[in-house]
Amino acid sequence: MEFLSPGTWAEALAAKADLPDAVPLAGGTDVMVELNFRRRRPGALLDLTRIGGLREWSEADGLIRIGAGMPYTRIMAELGDRLPGLARASRTVGSPQIRNRGTLGGNLGSASPAGDGHPPLLAAGALVEAASVRGVRTIPIGEFFLGPKRSALAPDELIAAVLVPPAPGPQQFAKIGTRNAMVIAVASFALELRPGGADGTVGTGIGSAGPTPLRAPEAEAFAAAALPWATRDPGLPPALTARFAELVAAAASPIDDVRGTAAYRRHTLGVLARRTLTWAWSELCG
């Protein structure tokens, strides 16, 4: 197996163009597991850890640009006030050691339906910045995932960054597993409220309950129309939260596997949807 360790982003893109099958290595928390269990044997590894710019974030034009190599620990510490949903999800990723190494770009690159970082990005309407020697393009997060561990990246492209709007209102994230962290989610859910005075909009993200991470558009439209934006009444009617939960569960497309049944996943998604909506609305009205 060839090991490539470029020192600049230009060198990394050139290497990826020459060897499209080379597997990028950022934190290595996913790639090394696959290598150790012999699930994958690529012809080359493309180490990106020497490219310091991938580990930085900035804010411009109304978007927060998170470098693909920025670890979860720094997302939690530095972006918790601007992107609370993503920070909450980051806290549930693995152990402290994994959070120190694991990156949001690596999470996206693996394109796992169960990736903890994916639902908050869907709820926020993020963009994935992909680069190659041919240029740079942005991919809406809802178009990025094509199937289990399949993404819209071209063979010669690398993920440079994720572009996320700062939270316009409360954001929540919750997941179900045998433990809060250090486990793959049985199901997860992210919610974003976007108040606009007398009305507002809602964003959602579903994880580990379909072939790709999913949104719940009907649930979003229902909540946007039903929530008492103008009065900010803190007591949401049980019928409202129950209907929202039903629509979120209906948007999922789960399967039975070793972590849980499809029926259990739908049930838990309804519970998570009801809870996160209640928490987010209480925060907005508080």
C-alpha atoms as a PDB file:
ATOM      1  CA  MET A   1       0.000   0.000   0.000  1.00  0.00           C
ATOM      2  CA  GLU A   2       1.377   3.387  -1.011  1.00  0.00           C
ATOM      3  CA  PHE A   3       1.385   6.161   1.597  1.00  0.00           C
ATOM      4  CA  LEU A   4       1.210   9.759   0.356  1.00  0.00           C
ATOM      5  CA  SER A   5       1.761  12.709   2.705  1.00  0.00           C
ATOM      6  CA  PRO A   6       1.435  16.015   0.827  1.00  0.00           C
ATOM      7  CA  GLY A   7       2.457  19.204   2.591  1.00  0.00           C
ATOM      8  CA  THR A   8       0.087  21.542   0.770  1.00  0.00           C
ATOM      9  CA  TRP A   9      -3.512  21.487  -0.427  1.00  0.00           C
ATOM     10  CA  ALA A  10      -2.370  21.850  -4.046  1.00  0.00           C
ATOM     11  CA  GLU A  11      -0.154  18.792  -3.659  1.00  0.00           C
ATOM     12  CA  ALA A  12      -3.030  16.840  -2.116  1.00  0.00           C
ATOM     13  CA  LEU A  13      -5.361  17.664  -5.005  1.00  0.00           C
ATOM     14  CA  ALA A  14      -2.696  16.727  -7.521  1.00  0.00           C
ATOM     15  CA  ALA A  15      -2.130  13.410  -5.764  1.00  0.00           C
ATOM     16  CA  LYS A  16      -5.862  12.679  -5.732  1.00  0.00           C
ATOM     17  CA  ALA A  17      -6.041  13.482  -9.462  1.00  0.00           C
ATOM     18  CA  ASP A  18      -3.178  11.081 -10.175  1.00  0.00           C
ATOM     19  CA  LEU A  19      -4.558   8.354  -7.895  1.00  0.00           C
ATOM     20  CA  PRO A  20      -8.372   8.692  -7.731  1.00  0.00           C
ATOM     21  CA  ASP A  21      -8.634   5.486  -5.680  1.00  0.00           C
ATOM     22  CA  ALA A  22      -6.407   6.874  -2.907  1.00  0.00           C
ATOM     23  CA  VAL A  23      -8.317   7.016   0.386  1.00  0.00           C
ATOM     24  CA  PRO A  24      -8.026  10.319   2.273  1.00  0.00           C
ATOM     25  CA  LEU A  25      -6.777  10.043   5.846  1.00  0.00           C
ATOM     26  CA  ALA A  26      -7.677  12.847   8.263  1.00  0.00           C
ATOM     27  CA  GLY A  27      -8.294  11.640  11.821  1.00  0.00           C
ATOM     28  CA  GLY A  28      -8.260   7.998  10.723  1.00  0.00           C
ATOM     29  CA  THR A  29     -10.998   6.996  13.152  1.00  0.00           C
ATOM     30  CA  ASP A  30     -13.047   5.317  10.397  1.00  0.00           C
ATOM     31  CA  VAL A  31     -10.355   4.375   7.886  1.00  0.00           C
ATOM     32  CA  MET A  32      -8.068   2.636  10.366  1.00  0.00           C
ATOM     33  CA  VAL A  33     -10.908   0.486  11.706  1.00  0.00           C
ATOM     34  CA  GLU A  34     -11.662  -0.718   8.181  1.00  0.00           C
ATOM     35  CA  LEU A  35      -7.997  -1.442   7.546  1.00  0.00           C
ATOM     36  CA  ASN A  36      -7.507  -3.250  10.851  1.00  0.00           C
ATOM     37  CA  PHE A  37     -10.522  -5.493  10.216  1.00  0.00           C
ATOM     38  CA  ARG A  38      -9.474  -6.017   6.581  1.00  0.00           C
ATOM     39  CA  ARG A  39     -12.739  -4.605   5.278  1.00  0.00           C
ATOM     40  CA  ARG A  40     -10.808  -2.365   2.932  1.00  0.00           C
ATOM     41  CA  ARG A  41      -7.426  -2.535   1.236  1.00  0.00           C
ATOM     42  CA  PRO A  42      -6.874   0.572  -0.885  1.00  0.00           C
ATOM     43  CA  GLY A  43      -3.886   0.907  -3.152  1.00  0.00           C
ATOM     44  CA  ALA A  44      -2.905   4.175  -1.486  1.00  0.00           C
ATOM     45  CA  LEU A  45      -3.611   6.308   1.574  1.00  0.00           C
ATOM     46  CA  LEU A  46      -3.603  10.091   1.184  1.00  0.00           C
ATOM     47  CA  ASP A  47      -2.574  11.620   4.519  1.00  0.00           C
ATOM     48  CA  LEU A  48      -4.021  15.129   4.937  1.00  0.00           C
ATOM     49  CA  THR A  49      -2.855  15.800   8.488  1.00  0.00           C
ATOM     50  CA  ARG A  50       0.085  17.996   7.444  1.00  0.00           C
ATOM     51  CA  ILE A  51      -2.223  20.546   5.775  1.00  0.00           C
ATOM     52  CA  GLY A  52      -2.856  22.967   8.601  1.00  0.00           C
ATOM     53  CA  GLY A  53      -5.491  25.026   6.816  1.00  0.00           C
ATOM     54  CA  LEU A  54      -7.915  22.111   6.898  1.00  0.00           C
ATOM     55  CA  ARG A  55      -8.059  22.382  10.684  1.00  0.00           C
ATOM     56  CA  GLU A  56      -9.278  25.981  10.806  1.00  0.00           C
ATOM     57  CA  TRP A  57     -12.651  27.728  10.655  1.00  0.00           C
ATOM     58  CA  SER A  58     -13.737  31.188   9.568  1.00  0.00           C
ATOM     59  CA  GLU A  59     -16.913  33.216   9.071  1.00  0.00           C
ATOM     60  CA  ALA A  60     -17.772  35.203   5.949  1.00  0.00           C
ATOM     61  CA  ASP A  61     -20.795  36.045   3.789  1.00  0.00           C
ATOM     62  CA  GLY A  62     -23.187  34.746   6.418  1.00  0.00           C
ATOM     63  CA  LEU A  63     -21.663  31.263   6.575  1.00  0.00           C
ATOM     64  CA  ILE A  64     -19.300  29.479   8.945  1.00  0.00           C
ATOM     65  CA  ARG A  65     -16.632  27.597   7.004  1.00  0.00           C
ATOM     66  CA  ILE A  66     -15.390  24.576   8.957  1.00  0.00           C
ATOM     67  CA  GLY A  67     -12.240  23.019   7.547  1.00  0.00           C
ATOM     68  CA  ALA A  68     -12.583  19.316   6.781  1.00  0.00           C
ATOM     69  CA  GLY A  69      -9.766  18.466   9.193  1.00  0.00           C
ATOM     70  CA  MET A  70     -11.128  20.330  12.224  1.00  0.00           C
ATOM     71  CA  PRO A  71     -11.654  17.821  15.069  1.00  0.00           C
ATOM     72  CA  TYR A  72     -14.862  17.463  17.028  1.00  0.00           C
ATOM     73  CA  THR A  73     -13.226  18.700  20.233  1.00  0.00           C
ATOM     74  CA  ARG A  74     -12.619  22.113  18.685  1.00  0.00           C
ATOM     75  CA  ILE A  75     -16.123  22.265  17.180  1.00  0.00           C
ATOM     76  CA  MET A  76     -17.471  21.777  20.695  1.00  0.00           C
ATOM     77  CA  ALA A  77     -15.125  24.333  22.259  1.00  0.00           C
ATOM     78  CA  GLU A  78     -15.104  27.040  19.582  1.00  0.00           C
ATOM     79  CA  LEU A  79     -18.445  26.795  17.783  1.00  0.00           C
ATOM     80  CA  GLY A  80     -20.857  25.787  20.528  1.00  0.00           C
ATOM     81  CA  ASP A  81     -22.464  29.228  20.629  1.00  0.00           C
ATOM     82  CA  ARG A  82     -22.768  29.608  16.842  1.00  0.00           C
ATOM     83  CA  LEU A  83     -23.687  26.013  15.961  1.00  0.00           C
ATOM     84  CA  PRO A  84     -25.128  24.444  19.131  1.00  0.00           C
ATOM     85  CA  GLY A  85     -26.761  21.524  17.304  1.00  0.00           C
ATOM     86  CA  LEU A  86     -23.505  20.444  15.694  1.00  0.00           C
ATOM     87  CA  ALA A  87     -21.676  20.926  18.993  1.00  0.00           C
ATOM     88  CA  ARG A  88     -24.223  18.719  20.764  1.00  0.00           C
ATOM     89  CA  ALA A  89     -23.790  16.021  18.139  1.00  0.00           C
ATOM     90  CA  SER A  90     -20.003  16.287  18.414  1.00  0.00           C
ATOM     91  CA  ARG A  91     -20.190  15.527  22.138  1.00  0.00           C
ATOM     92  CA  THR A  92     -21.757  12.137  21.385  1.00  0.00           C
ATOM     93  CA  VAL A  93     -19.029  11.029  18.961  1.00  0.00           C
ATOM     94  CA  GLY A  94     -16.938   8.230  20.441  1.00  0.00           C
ATOM     95  CA  SER A  95     -14.605   8.790  23.376  1.00  0.00           C
ATOM     96  CA  PRO A  96     -12.579  11.936  24.185  1.00  0.00           C
ATOM     97  CA  GLN A  97      -9.664  10.407  22.273  1.00  0.00           C
ATOM     98  CA  ILE A  98     -11.849   9.857  19.201  1.00  0.00           C
ATOM     99  CA  ARG A  99     -13.234  13.394  19.433  1.00  0.00           C
ATOM    100  CA  ASN A 100      -9.667  14.728  19.540  1.00  0.00           C
ATOM    101  CA  ARG A 101      -8.837  12.902  16.298  1.00  0.00           C
ATOM    102  CA  GLY A 102     -12.122  12.519  14.432  1.00  0.00           C
ATOM    103  CA  THR A 103     -13.139  15.195  11.947  1.00  0.00           C
ATOM    104  CA  LEU A 104     -16.360  16.410  10.377  1.00  0.00           C
ATOM    105  CA  GLY A 105     -14.823  16.021   6.917  1.00  0.00           C
ATOM    106  CA  GLY A 106     -13.940  12.420   7.638  1.00  0.00           C
ATOM    107  CA  ASN A 107     -17.473  11.794   8.885  1.00  0.00           C
ATOM    108  CA  LEU A 108     -18.856  13.158   5.616  1.00  0.00           C
ATOM    109  CA  GLY A 109     -16.305  11.269   3.553  1.00  0.00           C
ATOM    110  CA  SER A 110     -17.433   7.961   5.021  1.00  0.00           C
ATOM    111  CA  ALA A 111     -21.056   8.879   4.122  1.00  0.00           C
ATOM    112  CA  SER A 112     -22.417   6.529   6.779  1.00  0.00           C
ATOM    113  CA  PRO A 113     -26.178   6.774   7.373  1.00  0.00           C
ATOM    114  CA  ALA A 114     -25.370   6.732  11.102  1.00  0.00           C
ATOM    115  CA  GLY A 115     -22.847   9.588  11.141  1.00  0.00           C
ATOM    116  CA  ASP A 116     -23.582  11.790  14.169  1.00  0.00           C
ATOM    117  CA  GLY A 117     -22.564  14.975  12.369  1.00  0.00           C
ATOM    118  CA  HIS A 118     -24.946  14.527   9.454  1.00  0.00           C
ATOM    119  CA  PRO A 119     -28.395  15.288  10.965  1.00  0.00           C
ATOM    120  CA  PRO A 120     -27.396  18.745  12.305  1.00  0.00           C
ATOM    121  CA  LEU A 121     -25.933  19.644   8.915  1.00  0.00           C
ATOM    122  CA  LEU A 122     -29.175  18.605   7.212  1.00  0.00           C
ATOM    123  CA  ALA A 123     -31.273  20.575   9.684  1.00  0.00           C
ATOM    124  CA  ALA A 124     -29.126  23.668   9.110  1.00  0.00           C
ATOM    125  CA  GLY A 125     -29.040  23.402   5.299  1.00  0.00           C
ATOM    126  CA  ALA A 126     -25.251  23.117   5.090  1.00  0.00           C
ATOM    127  CA  LEU A 127     -23.103  22.980   1.964  1.00  0.00           C
ATOM    128  CA  VAL A 128     -20.147  20.680   1.338  1.00  0.00           C
ATOM    129  CA  GLU A 129     -17.186  22.364  -0.355  1.00  0.00           C
ATOM    130  CA  ALA A 130     -15.491  19.880  -2.690  1.00  0.00           C
ATOM    131  CA  ALA A 131     -12.233  20.618  -4.487  1.00  0.00           C
ATOM    132  CA  SER A 132     -10.119  19.077  -7.232  1.00  0.00           C
ATOM    133  CA  VAL A 133      -7.485  20.268  -9.690  1.00  0.00           C
ATOM    134  CA  ARG A 134     -10.465  21.201 -11.889  1.00  0.00           C
ATOM    135  CA  GLY A 135     -11.787  23.721  -9.367  1.00  0.00           C
ATOM    136  CA  VAL A 136     -14.094  24.104  -6.365  1.00  0.00           C
ATOM    137  CA  ARG A 137     -17.823  23.427  -6.118  1.00  0.00           C
ATOM    138  CA  THR A 138     -20.399  23.413  -3.328  1.00  0.00           C
ATOM    139  CA  ILE A 139     -22.842  20.535  -2.885  1.00  0.00           C
ATOM    140  CA  PRO A 140     -26.056  21.044  -0.881  1.00  0.00           C
ATOM    141  CA  ILE A 141     -25.979  18.597   2.006  1.00  0.00           C
ATOM    142  CA  GLY A 142     -29.292  17.094   0.932  1.00  0.00           C
ATOM    143  CA  GLU A 143     -27.716  16.102  -2.394  1.00  0.00           C
ATOM    144  CA  PHE A 144     -24.424  14.877  -0.967  1.00  0.00           C
ATOM    145  CA  PHE A 145     -25.504  11.423   0.274  1.00  0.00           C
ATOM    146  CA  LEU A 146     -26.361   8.964  -2.497  1.00  0.00           C
ATOM    147  CA  GLY A 147     -26.562   5.666  -0.595  1.00  0.00           C
ATOM    148  CA  PRO A 148     -24.911   3.721   2.222  1.00  0.00           C
ATOM    149  CA  LYS A 149     -21.303   4.973   2.254  1.00  0.00           C
ATOM    150  CA  ARG A 150     -21.791   6.609  -1.160  1.00  0.00           C
ATOM    151  CA  SER A 151     -21.530  10.332  -1.775  1.00  0.00           C
ATOM    152  CA  ALA A 152     -21.666  12.815  -4.632  1.00  0.00           C
ATOM    153  CA  LEU A 153     -17.906  13.358  -4.579  1.00  0.00           C
ATOM    154  CA  ALA A 154     -16.178  12.775  -7.908  1.00  0.00           C
ATOM    155  CA  PRO A 155     -13.245  10.326  -7.844  1.00  0.00           C
ATOM    156  CA  ASP A 156     -10.701  13.157  -8.017  1.00  0.00           C
ATOM    157  CA  GLU A 157     -12.358  15.375  -5.399  1.00  0.00           C
ATOM    158  CA  LEU A 158     -11.543  15.957  -1.747  1.00  0.00           C
ATOM    159  CA  ILE A 159     -13.729  17.596   0.894  1.00  0.00           C
ATOM    160  CA  ALA A 160     -12.220  20.968   1.723  1.00  0.00           C
ATOM    161  CA  ALA A 161     -14.784  22.331   4.171  1.00  0.00           C
ATOM    162  CA  VAL A 162     -18.388  22.453   5.302  1.00  0.00           C
ATOM    163  CA  LEU A 163     -20.321  25.734   5.034  1.00  0.00           C
ATOM    164  CA  VAL A 164     -23.010  26.188   7.683  1.00  0.00           C
ATOM    165  CA  PRO A 165     -25.286  29.156   8.427  1.00  0.00           C
ATOM    166  CA  PRO A 166     -24.955  30.327  12.044  1.00  0.00           C
ATOM    167  CA  ALA A 167     -27.882  29.150  14.149  1.00  0.00           C
ATOM    168  CA  PRO A 168     -30.826  31.539  13.628  1.00  0.00           C
ATOM    169  CA  GLY A 169     -32.585  30.109  16.672  1.00  0.00           C
ATOM    170  CA  PRO A 170     -32.545  27.073  18.948  1.00  0.00           C
ATOM    171  CA  GLN A 171     -30.912  23.873  17.714  1.00  0.00           C
ATOM    172  CA  GLN A 172     -31.201  20.435  19.286  1.00  0.00           C
ATOM    173  CA  PHE A 173     -29.697  16.997  18.718  1.00  0.00           C
ATOM    174  CA  ALA A 174     -30.496  13.689  20.375  1.00  0.00           C
ATOM    175  CA  LYS A 175     -29.682  10.080  19.673  1.00  0.00           C
ATOM    176  CA  ILE A 176     -30.605   6.660  20.973  1.00  0.00           C
ATOM    177  CA  GLY A 177     -27.981   4.016  21.670  1.00  0.00           C
ATOM    178  CA  THR A 178     -26.837   1.713  24.417  1.00  0.00           C
ATOM    179  CA  ARG A 179     -24.817   4.680  25.691  1.00  0.00           C
ATOM    180  CA  ASN A 180     -24.897   8.396  24.946  1.00  0.00           C
ATOM    181  CA  ALA A 181     -21.465   8.246  23.306  1.00  0.00           C
ATOM    182  CA  MET A 182     -18.981   5.599  22.127  1.00  0.00           C
ATOM    183  CA  VAL A 183     -21.748   3.816  20.211  1.00  0.00           C
ATOM    184  CA  ILE A 184     -23.220   3.907  16.741  1.00  0.00           C
ATOM    185  CA  ALA A 185     -26.643   5.500  16.949  1.00  0.00           C
ATOM    186  CA  VAL A 186     -29.702   3.285  16.716  1.00  0.00           C
ATOM    187  CA  ALA A 187     -31.448   6.471  15.597  1.00  0.00           C
ATOM    188  CA  SER A 188     -30.687  10.175  15.862  1.00  0.00           C
ATOM    189  CA  PHE A 189     -32.527  13.412  15.205  1.00  0.00           C
ATOM    190  CA  ALA A 190     -31.587  17.070  14.805  1.00  0.00           C
ATOM    191  CA  LEU A 191     -33.886  20.084  14.871  1.00  0.00           C
ATOM    192  CA  GLU A 192     -33.464  23.764  14.042  1.00  0.00           C
ATOM    193  CA  LEU A 193     -36.022  26.522  14.683  1.00  0.00           C
ATOM    194  CA  ARG A 194     -35.763  29.656  12.538  1.00  0.00           C
ATOM    195  CA  PRO A 195     -38.030  32.320  14.039  1.00  0.00           C
ATOM    196  CA  GLY A 196     -39.038  35.212  11.821  1.00  0.00           C
ATOM    197  CA  GLY A 197     -41.322  37.333  13.950  1.00  0.00           C
ATOM    198  CA  ALA A 198     -44.932  36.287  13.378  1.00  0.00           C
ATOM    199  CA  ASP A 199     -43.858  33.097  11.631  1.00  0.00           C
ATOM    200  CA  GLY A 200     -40.831  30.904  11.101  1.00  0.00           C
ATOM    201  CA  THR A 201     -39.400  27.787   9.498  1.00  0.00           C
ATOM    202  CA  VAL A 202     -38.069  24.490  10.800  1.00  0.00           C
ATOM    203  CA  GLY A 203     -35.173  22.249   9.769  1.00  0.00           C
ATOM    204  CA  THR A 204     -34.799  18.543  10.543  1.00  0.00           C
ATOM    205  CA  GLY A 205     -32.241  15.781  10.148  1.00  0.00           C
ATOM    206  CA  ILE A 206     -32.661  12.036  10.685  1.00  0.00           C
ATOM    207  CA  GLY A 207     -29.748   9.657  11.205  1.00  0.00           C
ATOM    208  CA  SER A 208     -29.369   5.879  11.239  1.00  0.00           C
ATOM    209  CA  ALA A 209     -32.906   5.280   9.976  1.00  0.00           C
ATOM    210  CA  GLY A 210     -32.526   5.025   6.219  1.00  0.00           C
ATOM    211  CA  PRO A 211     -29.993   4.267   3.474  1.00  0.00           C
ATOM    212  CA  THR A 212     -28.810   7.876   3.842  1.00  0.00           C
ATOM    213  CA  PRO A 213     -29.296  10.635   6.406  1.00  0.00           C
ATOM    214  CA  LEU A 214     -32.717  12.151   5.765  1.00  0.00           C
ATOM    215  CA  ARG A 215     -34.837  15.231   6.280  1.00  0.00           C
ATOM    216  CA  ALA A 216     -38.514  15.176   7.241  1.00  0.00           C
ATOM    217  CA  PRO A 217     -40.025  17.807   4.905  1.00  0.00           C
ATOM    218  CA  GLU A 218     -43.661  17.172   5.841  1.00  0.00           C
ATOM    219  CA  ALA A 219     -42.830  17.459   9.527  1.00  0.00           C
ATOM    220  CA  GLU A 220     -40.949  20.699   8.841  1.00  0.00           C
ATOM    221  CA  ALA A 221     -43.896  22.205   6.958  1.00  0.00           C
ATOM    222  CA  PHE A 222     -46.371  21.110   9.631  1.00  0.00           C
ATOM    223  CA  ALA A 223     -44.346  22.566  12.498  1.00  0.00           C
ATOM    224  CA  ALA A 224     -43.682  25.812  10.635  1.00  0.00           C
ATOM    225  CA  ALA A 225     -47.420  26.301  10.156  1.00  0.00           C
ATOM    226  CA  ALA A 226     -48.582  25.029  13.551  1.00  0.00           C
ATOM    227  CA  LEU A 227     -46.128  26.561  16.017  1.00  0.00           C
ATOM    228  CA  PRO A 228     -47.412  29.739  17.753  1.00  0.00           C
ATOM    229  CA  TRP A 229     -44.583  31.946  16.515  1.00  0.00           C
ATOM    230  CA  ALA A 230     -46.457  35.215  17.079  1.00  0.00           C
ATOM    231  CA  THR A 231     -47.565  34.586  20.673  1.00  0.00           C
ATOM    232  CA  ARG A 232     -44.584  32.473  21.765  1.00  0.00           C
ATOM    233  CA  ASP A 233     -46.925  30.471  23.997  1.00  0.00           C
ATOM    234  CA  PRO A 234     -44.497  28.200  25.895  1.00  0.00           C
ATOM    235  CA  GLY A 235     -46.997  25.385  26.361  1.00  0.00           C
ATOM    236  CA  LEU A 236     -47.157  23.437  23.110  1.00  0.00           C
ATOM    237  CA  PRO A 237     -50.373  21.427  22.668  1.00  0.00           C
ATOM    238  CA  PRO A 238     -49.758  17.675  23.003  1.00  0.00           C
ATOM    239  CA  ALA A 239     -51.574  17.138  19.696  1.00  0.00           C
ATOM    240  CA  LEU A 240     -49.023  19.364  17.937  1.00  0.00           C
ATOM    241  CA  THR A 241     -45.960  17.567  19.284  1.00  0.00           C
ATOM    242  CA  ALA A 242     -47.586  14.169  18.692  1.00  0.00           C
ATOM    243  CA  ARG A 243     -48.351  14.981  15.058  1.00  0.00           C
ATOM    244  CA  PHE A 244     -44.840  16.293  14.526  1.00  0.00           C
ATOM    245  CA  ALA A 245     -43.467  13.052  15.975  1.00  0.00           C
ATOM    246  CA  GLU A 246     -45.670  10.979  13.650  1.00  0.00           C
ATOM    247  CA  LEU A 247     -44.493  12.865  10.582  1.00  0.00           C
ATOM    248  CA  VAL A 248     -40.819  12.532  11.548  1.00  0.00           C
ATOM    249  CA  ALA A 249     -41.214   8.781  12.090  1.00  0.00           C
ATOM    250  CA  ALA A 250     -43.032   8.453   8.763  1.00  0.00           C
ATOM    251  CA  ALA A 251     -40.154  10.174   6.940  1.00  0.00           C
ATOM    252  CA  ALA A 252     -37.694   7.488   8.022  1.00  0.00           C
ATOM    253  CA  SER A 253     -36.895   4.369   6.042  1.00  0.00           C
ATOM    254  CA  PRO A 254     -35.310   2.082   8.652  1.00  0.00           C
ATOM    255  CA  ILE A 255     -34.303  -1.567   8.518  1.00  0.00           C
ATOM    256  CA  ASP A 256     -33.889  -4.345  11.068  1.00  0.00           C
ATOM    257  CA  ASP A 257     -30.278  -4.951  12.063  1.00  0.00           C
ATOM    258  CA  VAL A 258     -28.188  -5.968  15.071  1.00  0.00           C
ATOM    259  CA  ARG A 259     -28.688  -2.566  16.724  1.00  0.00           C
ATOM    260  CA  GLY A 260     -32.466  -2.453  16.524  1.00  0.00           C
ATOM    261  CA  THR A 261     -35.593  -3.218  14.554  1.00  0.00           C
ATOM    262  CA  ALA A 262     -37.217  -0.897  12.044  1.00  0.00           C
ATOM    263  CA  ALA A 263     -40.253  -0.578  14.323  1.00  0.00           C
ATOM    264  CA  TYR A 264     -38.072   0.407  17.278  1.00  0.00           C
ATOM    265  CA  ARG A 265     -36.255   3.001  15.199  1.00  0.00           C
ATOM    266  CA  ARG A 266     -39.526   4.594  14.097  1.00  0.00           C
ATOM    267  CA  HIS A 267     -40.741   4.657  17.690  1.00  0.00           C
ATOM    268  CA  THR A 268     -37.530   6.222  19.003  1.00  0.00           C
ATOM    269  CA  LEU A 269     -37.506   8.837  16.254  1.00  0.00           C
ATOM    270  CA  GLY A 270     -40.977   9.906  17.313  1.00  0.00           C
ATOM    271  CA  VAL A 271     -39.812  10.205  20.914  1.00  0.00           C
ATOM    272  CA  LEU A 272     -36.704  12.177  19.904  1.00  0.00           C
ATOM    273  CA  ALA A 273     -38.738  14.466  17.653  1.00  0.00           C
ATOM    274  CA  ARG A 274     -41.252  15.242  20.392  1.00  0.00           C
ATOM    275  CA  ARG A 275     -38.538  15.884  22.964  1.00  0.00           C
ATOM    276  CA  THR A 276     -36.318  18.061  20.792  1.00  0.00           C
ATOM    277  CA  LEU A 277     -39.250  20.176  19.605  1.00  0.00           C
ATOM    278  CA  THR A 278     -40.316  20.733  23.214  1.00  0.00           C
ATOM    279  CA  TRP A 279     -36.768  21.609  24.300  1.00  0.00           C
ATOM    280  CA  ALA A 280     -36.138  23.937  21.369  1.00  0.00           C
ATOM    281  CA  TRP A 281     -39.467  25.726  21.773  1.00  0.00           C
ATOM    282  CA  SER A 282     -38.895  26.186  25.507  1.00  0.00           C
ATOM    283  CA  GLU A 283     -35.498  27.696  24.729  1.00  0.00           C
ATOM    284  CA  LEU A 284     -37.037  30.063  22.182  1.00  0.00           C
ATOM    285  CA  CYS A 285     -39.743  31.180  24.586  1.00  0.00           C
ATOM    286  CA  GLY A 286     -37.488  31.328  27.629  1.00  0.00           C
END
